[in-house]
Amino acid sequence: MKKTTFALTLTLIYVLAAVFSSPRAAGAQTRNQTTKTELTEAFTFPNECTGELMDVTDKTVVVCHDQQRADGSSEEKCQIVQDVTAVGETSGITYHGTATFKDEFTAIDQCNFTFTNSGAVRLISPGSDVNLVLHFDDVTVMRDCVLTTDTHTTSADCRGGGK
């Protein structure tokens, strides 16, 4: 699957904004903070199992814990949980499920950081219609303001419906 969901893009933007817009701690202490954000999204996404587009809505809860150290480095770990509903544009099949992601963003400064994202989306259809389970793994590494790693892998697992 070559497209990543809007949620992944939103998550990366959220993490980058949270880390780089927060004031740095002064002195020898470390500053810790936990945030919780709730939002709803709507977008279109391809169903790899049926070949049709789905209209997707979700309610998302993002809980992040960030730590900013006196040396200017920072680390943020987030857990994203989504309650997802998707409707096939052609078939009209309604899928319901959950998505869970774990993100970690570690930064020395704006030119040296690592971002990892790992998660899965489970879309379950009624009866014997095919179910869709998506897996996502992303790694982005910036060293001395040069992007050294930028991998985004996704896979679709089709279950049920005679598959």
N, C-alpha and C. Protein backbone atom coordinates (compact mmCIF):
# COMPACT_ATOMS: atom_id res chain seq x y z
N MET A 1 0.86 -1.16 0.00
CA MET A 1 0.00 0.00 0.00
C MET A 1 0.90 1.22 0.00
N LYS A 2 0.71 2.11 -0.95
CA LYS A 2 1.62 3.23 -1.11
C LYS A 2 1.17 4.48 -0.37
N LYS A 3 -0.07 4.53 0.03
CA LYS A 3 -0.58 5.70 0.74
C LYS A 3 -0.55 5.46 2.23
N THR A 4 -0.24 6.49 3.00
CA THR A 4 -0.39 6.40 4.45
C THR A 4 -1.61 7.19 4.83
N THR A 5 -2.18 6.86 5.95
CA THR A 5 -3.42 7.51 6.34
C THR A 5 -3.18 8.94 6.77
N PHE A 6 -4.23 9.70 6.72
CA PHE A 6 -4.20 11.07 7.19
C PHE A 6 -3.79 11.11 8.65
N ALA A 7 -4.17 10.09 9.40
CA ALA A 7 -3.84 10.04 10.82
C ALA A 7 -2.35 10.00 11.05
N LEU A 8 -1.61 9.29 10.25
CA LEU A 8 -0.16 9.23 10.41
C LEU A 8 0.48 10.58 10.15
N THR A 9 0.02 11.26 9.11
CA THR A 9 0.54 12.59 8.80
C THR A 9 0.21 13.55 9.94
N LEU A 10 -1.03 13.49 10.39
CA LEU A 10 -1.44 14.36 11.49
C LEU A 10 -0.62 14.08 12.74
N THR A 11 -0.36 12.82 12.99
CA THR A 11 0.42 12.44 14.17
C THR A 11 1.83 13.02 14.09
N LEU A 12 2.49 12.86 12.94
CA LEU A 12 3.84 13.39 12.80
C LEU A 12 3.85 14.90 12.97
N ILE A 13 2.91 15.60 12.37
CA ILE A 13 2.83 17.05 12.52
C ILE A 13 2.59 17.43 13.97
N TYR A 14 1.69 16.72 14.64
CA TYR A 14 1.39 16.99 16.04
C TYR A 14 2.63 16.81 16.91
N VAL A 15 3.35 15.71 16.69
CA VAL A 15 4.54 15.43 17.50
C VAL A 15 5.62 16.49 17.26
N LEU A 16 5.88 16.80 15.99
CA LEU A 16 6.88 17.81 15.69
C LEU A 16 6.52 19.16 16.30
N ALA A 17 5.27 19.55 16.18
CA ALA A 17 4.83 20.83 16.73
C ALA A 17 4.94 20.84 18.25
N ALA A 18 4.54 19.75 18.88
CA ALA A 18 4.59 19.69 20.34
C ALA A 18 6.01 19.76 20.87
N VAL A 19 6.93 19.07 20.20
CA VAL A 19 8.31 19.05 20.69
C VAL A 19 9.00 20.38 20.44
N PHE A 20 8.88 20.91 19.22
CA PHE A 20 9.66 22.09 18.88
C PHE A 20 9.01 23.41 19.29
N SER A 21 7.74 23.41 19.68
CA SER A 21 7.11 24.65 20.11
C SER A 21 7.14 24.81 21.62
N SER A 22 7.49 23.74 22.35
CA SER A 22 7.52 23.80 23.81
C SER A 22 8.79 24.48 24.27
N PRO A 23 8.72 25.28 25.35
CA PRO A 23 9.92 25.93 25.85
C PRO A 23 10.87 24.89 26.44
N ARG A 24 12.16 25.14 26.31
CA ARG A 24 13.17 24.24 26.84
C ARG A 24 13.34 24.48 28.34
N ALA A 25 13.62 23.43 29.07
CA ALA A 25 13.84 23.52 30.50
C ALA A 25 15.18 24.20 30.78
N ALA A 26 15.23 24.96 31.84
CA ALA A 26 16.47 25.63 32.24
C ALA A 26 17.05 24.92 33.45
N GLY A 27 18.34 25.07 33.65
CA GLY A 27 18.99 24.48 34.82
C GLY A 27 19.19 22.99 34.66
N ALA A 28 19.35 22.29 35.78
CA ALA A 28 19.69 20.88 35.76
C ALA A 28 18.48 19.97 35.81
N GLN A 29 17.30 20.51 35.90
CA GLN A 29 16.12 19.67 36.03
C GLN A 29 15.58 19.23 34.68
N THR A 30 14.79 18.20 34.72
CA THR A 30 14.10 17.70 33.55
C THR A 30 12.63 18.08 33.68
N ARG A 31 12.04 18.50 32.57
CA ARG A 31 10.63 18.88 32.59
C ARG A 31 9.83 17.77 31.94
N ASN A 32 8.81 17.28 32.64
CA ASN A 32 7.93 16.25 32.13
C ASN A 32 6.53 16.83 31.95
N GLN A 33 5.84 16.34 30.94
CA GLN A 33 4.49 16.82 30.68
C GLN A 33 3.70 15.73 29.98
N THR A 34 2.45 15.57 30.35
CA THR A 34 1.56 14.64 29.68
C THR A 34 0.39 15.42 29.11
N THR A 35 0.05 15.13 27.86
CA THR A 35 -1.08 15.80 27.22
C THR A 35 -2.03 14.76 26.66
N LYS A 36 -3.29 15.15 26.58
CA LYS A 36 -4.30 14.29 25.98
C LYS A 36 -5.11 15.16 25.02
N THR A 37 -5.24 14.67 23.79
CA THR A 37 -5.96 15.39 22.76
C THR A 37 -7.00 14.46 22.15
N GLU A 38 -8.20 14.96 21.95
CA GLU A 38 -9.25 14.19 21.30
C GLU A 38 -9.70 14.93 20.05
N LEU A 39 -9.86 14.20 18.95
CA LEU A 39 -10.30 14.83 17.71
C LEU A 39 -11.06 13.82 16.87
N THR A 40 -11.76 14.34 15.88
CA THR A 40 -12.46 13.48 14.92
C THR A 40 -11.91 13.80 13.53
N GLU A 41 -11.91 12.78 12.66
CA GLU A 41 -11.39 12.95 11.31
C GLU A 41 -12.35 12.30 10.32
N ALA A 42 -12.27 12.73 9.08
CA ALA A 42 -13.01 12.11 7.99
C ALA A 42 -12.14 12.17 6.75
N PHE A 43 -11.99 11.03 6.05
CA PHE A 43 -11.16 10.98 4.86
C PHE A 43 -11.55 9.77 4.03
N THR A 44 -11.04 9.67 2.82
CA THR A 44 -11.26 8.54 1.94
C THR A 44 -9.99 7.70 1.91
N PHE A 45 -10.16 6.37 1.94
CA PHE A 45 -9.00 5.48 1.99
C PHE A 45 -9.29 4.24 1.16
N PRO A 46 -8.30 3.72 0.42
CA PRO A 46 -8.54 2.52 -0.40
C PRO A 46 -8.58 1.26 0.44
N ASN A 47 -9.51 0.37 0.09
CA ASN A 47 -9.58 -0.94 0.73
C ASN A 47 -8.81 -1.91 -0.16
N GLU A 48 -7.66 -2.34 0.31
CA GLU A 48 -6.80 -3.24 -0.46
C GLU A 48 -7.47 -4.60 -0.71
N CYS A 49 -8.41 -4.97 0.12
CA CYS A 49 -9.05 -6.29 -0.01
C CYS A 49 -10.14 -6.30 -1.07
N THR A 50 -10.89 -5.22 -1.19
CA THR A 50 -12.02 -5.19 -2.13
C THR A 50 -11.75 -4.32 -3.36
N GLY A 51 -10.69 -3.51 -3.31
CA GLY A 51 -10.38 -2.63 -4.43
C GLY A 51 -11.25 -1.39 -4.51
N GLU A 52 -12.05 -1.14 -3.50
CA GLU A 52 -12.91 0.04 -3.53
C GLU A 52 -12.43 1.09 -2.53
N LEU A 53 -12.88 2.32 -2.74
CA LEU A 53 -12.60 3.38 -1.78
C LEU A 53 -13.58 3.28 -0.63
N MET A 54 -13.13 3.67 0.55
CA MET A 54 -13.98 3.71 1.73
C MET A 54 -14.03 5.13 2.26
N ASP A 55 -15.19 5.55 2.71
CA ASP A 55 -15.32 6.80 3.43
C ASP A 55 -15.11 6.47 4.90
N VAL A 56 -14.09 7.05 5.50
CA VAL A 56 -13.67 6.71 6.84
C VAL A 56 -13.90 7.88 7.79
N THR A 57 -14.43 7.58 8.97
CA THR A 57 -14.50 8.56 10.05
C THR A 57 -13.90 7.90 11.28
N ASP A 58 -13.29 8.72 12.12
CA ASP A 58 -12.75 8.16 13.35
C ASP A 58 -12.77 9.19 14.45
N LYS A 59 -12.82 8.65 15.66
CA LYS A 59 -12.65 9.44 16.87
C LYS A 59 -11.31 9.02 17.43
N THR A 60 -10.43 9.99 17.61
CA THR A 60 -9.05 9.71 17.97
C THR A 60 -8.72 10.31 19.32
N VAL A 61 -8.01 9.53 20.13
CA VAL A 61 -7.48 10.01 21.41
C VAL A 61 -5.96 9.85 21.35
N VAL A 62 -5.24 10.95 21.53
CA VAL A 62 -3.78 10.94 21.51
C VAL A 62 -3.30 11.32 22.91
N VAL A 63 -2.55 10.42 23.53
CA VAL A 63 -1.97 10.69 24.84
C VAL A 63 -0.46 10.68 24.67
N CYS A 64 0.18 11.78 25.04
CA CYS A 64 1.62 11.91 24.88
C CYS A 64 2.27 12.27 26.20
N HIS A 65 3.43 11.72 26.41
CA HIS A 65 4.27 12.08 27.56
C HIS A 65 5.58 12.57 26.98
N ASP A 66 5.92 13.81 27.32
CA ASP A 66 7.19 14.31 26.82
C ASP A 66 8.09 14.72 27.96
N GLN A 67 9.37 14.58 27.68
CA GLN A 67 10.41 14.90 28.65
C GLN A 67 11.42 15.79 27.95
N GLN A 68 11.66 16.95 28.54
CA GLN A 68 12.66 17.86 28.01
C GLN A 68 13.75 18.02 29.05
N ARG A 69 14.97 17.73 28.61
CA ARG A 69 16.09 17.72 29.53
C ARG A 69 16.83 19.05 29.51
N ALA A 70 17.61 19.27 30.54
CA ALA A 70 18.38 20.51 30.67
C ALA A 70 19.36 20.69 29.53
N ASP A 71 19.84 19.59 28.93
CA ASP A 71 20.80 19.72 27.82
C ASP A 71 20.12 20.08 26.50
N GLY A 72 18.80 20.26 26.50
CA GLY A 72 18.07 20.65 25.30
C GLY A 72 17.49 19.48 24.53
N SER A 73 17.88 18.26 24.86
CA SER A 73 17.32 17.10 24.17
C SER A 73 15.91 16.83 24.69
N SER A 74 15.15 16.10 23.91
CA SER A 74 13.78 15.81 24.33
C SER A 74 13.36 14.44 23.81
N GLU A 75 12.35 13.91 24.46
CA GLU A 75 11.77 12.64 24.05
C GLU A 75 10.27 12.72 24.27
N GLU A 76 9.52 12.25 23.30
CA GLU A 76 8.07 12.22 23.43
C GLU A 76 7.57 10.87 22.97
N LYS A 77 6.74 10.25 23.80
CA LYS A 77 6.12 8.98 23.47
C LYS A 77 4.61 9.20 23.47
N CYS A 78 3.98 8.73 22.39
CA CYS A 78 2.54 8.93 22.26
C CYS A 78 1.86 7.59 21.97
N GLN A 79 0.66 7.48 22.48
CA GLN A 79 -0.21 6.37 22.13
C GLN A 79 -1.45 6.96 21.49
N ILE A 80 -1.77 6.46 20.31
CA ILE A 80 -2.93 6.93 19.57
C ILE A 80 -3.93 5.78 19.49
N VAL A 81 -5.16 6.02 19.91
CA VAL A 81 -6.21 5.01 19.85
C VAL A 81 -7.38 5.62 19.08
N GLN A 82 -7.85 4.90 18.07
CA GLN A 82 -8.93 5.39 17.23
C GLN A 82 -10.09 4.41 17.20
N ASP A 83 -11.29 4.95 17.26
CA ASP A 83 -12.51 4.19 17.03
C ASP A 83 -12.91 4.52 15.59
N VAL A 84 -12.85 3.53 14.70
CA VAL A 84 -12.95 3.77 13.26
C VAL A 84 -14.22 3.16 12.68
N THR A 85 -14.89 3.92 11.80
CA THR A 85 -15.99 3.42 10.99
C THR A 85 -15.67 3.73 9.54
N ALA A 86 -15.84 2.74 8.67
CA ALA A 86 -15.59 2.93 7.24
C ALA A 86 -16.74 2.31 6.46
N VAL A 87 -17.11 2.98 5.36
CA VAL A 87 -18.19 2.49 4.50
C VAL A 87 -17.66 2.39 3.07
N GLY A 88 -17.78 1.21 2.47
CA GLY A 88 -17.35 1.01 1.09
C GLY A 88 -18.21 1.85 0.16
N GLU A 89 -17.57 2.66 -0.69
CA GLU A 89 -18.31 3.55 -1.58
C GLU A 89 -19.11 2.79 -2.63
N THR A 90 -18.65 1.61 -3.05
CA THR A 90 -19.35 0.81 -4.06
C THR A 90 -20.26 -0.21 -3.42
N SER A 91 -19.74 -0.97 -2.46
CA SER A 91 -20.49 -2.08 -1.86
C SER A 91 -21.46 -1.63 -0.77
N GLY A 92 -21.16 -0.51 -0.12
CA GLY A 92 -21.98 -0.06 1.00
C GLY A 92 -21.71 -0.83 2.28
N ILE A 93 -20.72 -1.74 2.26
CA ILE A 93 -20.39 -2.50 3.46
C ILE A 93 -19.84 -1.55 4.51
N THR A 94 -20.36 -1.70 5.73
CA THR A 94 -19.89 -0.87 6.85
C THR A 94 -18.92 -1.67 7.69
N TYR A 95 -17.74 -1.10 7.88
CA TYR A 95 -16.69 -1.70 8.70
C TYR A 95 -16.59 -0.91 9.99
N HIS A 96 -16.30 -1.61 11.06
CA HIS A 96 -16.07 -0.94 12.32
C HIS A 96 -14.83 -1.56 12.94
N GLY A 97 -14.08 -0.75 13.65
CA GLY A 97 -12.89 -1.32 14.28
C GLY A 97 -12.11 -0.30 15.07
N THR A 98 -10.90 -0.70 15.38
CA THR A 98 -10.02 0.14 16.17
C THR A 98 -8.67 0.25 15.48
N ALA A 99 -7.98 1.31 15.84
CA ALA A 99 -6.62 1.51 15.39
C ALA A 99 -5.79 1.89 16.61
N THR A 100 -4.61 1.34 16.69
CA THR A 100 -3.71 1.71 17.77
C THR A 100 -2.32 1.96 17.18
N PHE A 101 -1.71 3.02 17.63
CA PHE A 101 -0.38 3.39 17.18
C PHE A 101 0.47 3.80 18.38
N LYS A 102 1.74 3.49 18.31
CA LYS A 102 2.70 3.96 19.30
C LYS A 102 3.77 4.74 18.54
N ASP A 103 3.95 5.97 18.94
CA ASP A 103 4.94 6.86 18.33
C ASP A 103 6.01 7.20 19.34
N GLU A 104 7.22 7.36 18.86
CA GLU A 104 8.30 7.84 19.71
C GLU A 104 9.12 8.84 18.92
N PHE A 105 9.34 9.99 19.52
CA PHE A 105 10.10 11.07 18.89
C PHE A 105 11.21 11.46 19.85
N THR A 106 12.46 11.29 19.42
CA THR A 106 13.61 11.63 20.25
C THR A 106 14.43 12.67 19.49
N ALA A 107 14.73 13.79 20.15
CA ALA A 107 15.44 14.87 19.47
C ALA A 107 16.57 15.43 20.33
N ILE A 108 17.69 15.63 19.68
CA ILE A 108 18.78 16.37 20.31
C ILE A 108 18.55 17.85 20.01
N ASP A 109 18.18 18.14 18.76
CA ASP A 109 17.82 19.48 18.31
C ASP A 109 17.03 19.31 17.01
N GLN A 110 16.73 20.42 16.34
CA GLN A 110 15.89 20.35 15.14
C GLN A 110 16.60 19.66 13.96
N CYS A 111 17.90 19.50 14.04
CA CYS A 111 18.65 18.84 12.95
C CYS A 111 19.04 17.41 13.28
N ASN A 112 18.71 16.94 14.47
CA ASN A 112 19.08 15.59 14.88
C ASN A 112 17.94 14.97 15.66
N PHE A 113 17.17 14.11 14.98
CA PHE A 113 16.03 13.48 15.66
C PHE A 113 15.69 12.15 15.00
N THR A 114 14.91 11.37 15.73
CA THR A 114 14.39 10.09 15.25
C THR A 114 12.90 10.04 15.57
N PHE A 115 12.12 9.61 14.59
CA PHE A 115 10.68 9.42 14.78
C PHE A 115 10.34 8.00 14.36
N THR A 116 9.66 7.26 15.23
CA THR A 116 9.18 5.92 14.88
C THR A 116 7.68 5.85 15.14
N ASN A 117 7.00 5.10 14.30
CA ASN A 117 5.56 4.89 14.43
C ASN A 117 5.28 3.43 14.10
N SER A 118 4.53 2.78 14.94
CA SER A 118 4.14 1.41 14.68
C SER A 118 2.69 1.24 15.09
N GLY A 119 1.90 0.64 14.22
CA GLY A 119 0.49 0.49 14.57
C GLY A 119 -0.27 -0.40 13.63
N ALA A 120 -1.52 -0.60 13.99
CA ALA A 120 -2.41 -1.44 13.19
C ALA A 120 -3.82 -0.88 13.23
N VAL A 121 -4.53 -1.10 12.14
CA VAL A 121 -5.94 -0.74 12.02
C VAL A 121 -6.68 -2.02 11.71
N ARG A 122 -7.70 -2.32 12.50
CA ARG A 122 -8.51 -3.52 12.31
C ARG A 122 -9.92 -3.11 11.93
N LEU A 123 -10.31 -3.36 10.68
CA LEU A 123 -11.64 -3.01 10.21
C LEU A 123 -12.42 -4.31 10.00
N ILE A 124 -13.46 -4.48 10.79
CA ILE A 124 -14.25 -5.71 10.80
C ILE A 124 -15.60 -5.44 10.13
N SER A 125 -15.94 -6.31 9.18
CA SER A 125 -17.21 -6.18 8.47
C SER A 125 -18.22 -7.17 9.06
N PRO A 126 -19.51 -6.95 8.80
CA PRO A 126 -20.51 -7.88 9.33
C PRO A 126 -20.51 -9.20 8.56
N GLY A 127 -20.93 -10.25 9.23
CA GLY A 127 -21.10 -11.54 8.57
C GLY A 127 -19.81 -12.08 7.96
N SER A 128 -19.93 -12.61 6.75
CA SER A 128 -18.78 -13.24 6.10
C SER A 128 -18.04 -12.31 5.15
N ASP A 129 -18.42 -11.03 5.11
CA ASP A 129 -17.70 -10.08 4.26
C ASP A 129 -16.25 -9.98 4.73
N VAL A 130 -15.38 -9.65 3.80
CA VAL A 130 -13.94 -9.61 4.09
C VAL A 130 -13.60 -8.53 5.13
N ASN A 131 -12.70 -8.87 6.03
CA ASN A 131 -12.18 -7.94 7.03
C ASN A 131 -10.82 -7.45 6.56
N LEU A 132 -10.45 -6.26 7.00
CA LEU A 132 -9.18 -5.65 6.59
C LEU A 132 -8.36 -5.32 7.82
N VAL A 133 -7.13 -5.82 7.88
CA VAL A 133 -6.21 -5.50 8.97
C VAL A 133 -4.98 -4.87 8.33
N LEU A 134 -4.71 -3.63 8.69
CA LEU A 134 -3.57 -2.88 8.16
C LEU A 134 -2.49 -2.77 9.22
N HIS A 135 -1.24 -2.86 8.80
CA HIS A 135 -0.11 -2.67 9.70
C HIS A 135 0.77 -1.56 9.14
N PHE A 136 1.26 -0.70 10.02
CA PHE A 136 2.10 0.43 9.63
C PHE A 136 3.37 0.45 10.46
N ASP A 137 4.48 0.68 9.81
CA ASP A 137 5.76 0.90 10.49
C ASP A 137 6.49 2.02 9.76
N ASP A 138 6.84 3.05 10.50
CA ASP A 138 7.53 4.20 9.93
C ASP A 138 8.75 4.53 10.76
N VAL A 139 9.84 4.87 10.07
CA VAL A 139 11.05 5.33 10.75
C VAL A 139 11.60 6.51 9.97
N THR A 140 11.81 7.62 10.66
CA THR A 140 12.41 8.80 10.06
C THR A 140 13.56 9.23 10.95
N VAL A 141 14.74 9.40 10.33
CA VAL A 141 15.93 9.81 11.08
C VAL A 141 16.57 10.99 10.37
N MET A 142 16.82 12.05 11.13
CA MET A 142 17.50 13.24 10.62
C MET A 142 18.81 13.36 11.39
N ARG A 143 19.94 13.44 10.65
CA ARG A 143 21.25 13.62 11.26
C ARG A 143 21.92 14.81 10.61
N ASP A 144 22.30 15.77 11.43
CA ASP A 144 22.96 16.99 10.95
C ASP A 144 22.18 17.63 9.80
N CYS A 145 20.85 17.70 9.98
CA CYS A 145 19.91 18.31 9.02
C CYS A 145 19.84 17.57 7.69
N VAL A 146 20.27 16.31 7.67
CA VAL A 146 20.17 15.48 6.48
C VAL A 146 19.28 14.28 6.83
N LEU A 147 18.27 14.07 6.02
CA LEU A 147 17.37 12.94 6.21
C LEU A 147 18.12 11.67 5.83
N THR A 148 18.46 10.84 6.82
CA THR A 148 19.25 9.63 6.55
C THR A 148 18.38 8.39 6.40
N THR A 149 17.23 8.37 7.04
CA THR A 149 16.30 7.25 6.93
C THR A 149 14.89 7.79 6.85
N ASP A 150 14.12 7.28 5.92
CA ASP A 150 12.72 7.67 5.78
C ASP A 150 11.98 6.49 5.18
N THR A 151 11.65 5.51 6.03
CA THR A 151 10.98 4.32 5.54
C THR A 151 9.55 4.27 6.06
N HIS A 152 8.65 3.88 5.19
CA HIS A 152 7.23 3.77 5.53
C HIS A 152 6.74 2.47 4.92
N THR A 153 6.49 1.48 5.76
CA THR A 153 5.99 0.21 5.26
C THR A 153 4.58 -0.02 5.77
N THR A 154 3.76 -0.53 4.88
CA THR A 154 2.39 -0.88 5.23
C THR A 154 2.08 -2.24 4.64
N SER A 155 1.17 -2.93 5.27
CA SER A 155 0.71 -4.20 4.71
C SER A 155 -0.77 -4.34 5.01
N ALA A 156 -1.44 -5.03 4.11
CA ALA A 156 -2.88 -5.29 4.27
C ALA A 156 -3.09 -6.80 4.38
N ASP A 157 -3.84 -7.19 5.37
CA ASP A 157 -4.17 -8.60 5.58
C ASP A 157 -5.67 -8.73 5.42
N CYS A 158 -6.10 -9.47 4.40
CA CYS A 158 -7.53 -9.66 4.12
C CYS A 158 -7.98 -10.95 4.78
N ARG A 159 -9.03 -10.86 5.59
CA ARG A 159 -9.52 -12.04 6.32
C ARG A 159 -11.02 -12.19 6.09
N GLY A 160 -11.48 -13.42 6.00
CA GLY A 160 -12.90 -13.68 5.81
C GLY A 160 -13.29 -13.57 4.34
N GLY A 161 -14.57 -13.66 4.06
CA GLY A 161 -15.07 -13.51 2.70
C GLY A 161 -14.48 -14.53 1.73
N GLY A 162 -14.11 -15.69 2.25
CA GLY A 162 -13.54 -16.71 1.37
C GLY A 162 -12.08 -16.52 1.09
N LYS A 163 -11.42 -15.56 1.75
CA LYS A 163 -9.99 -15.30 1.51
C LYS A 163 -9.14 -16.06 2.48
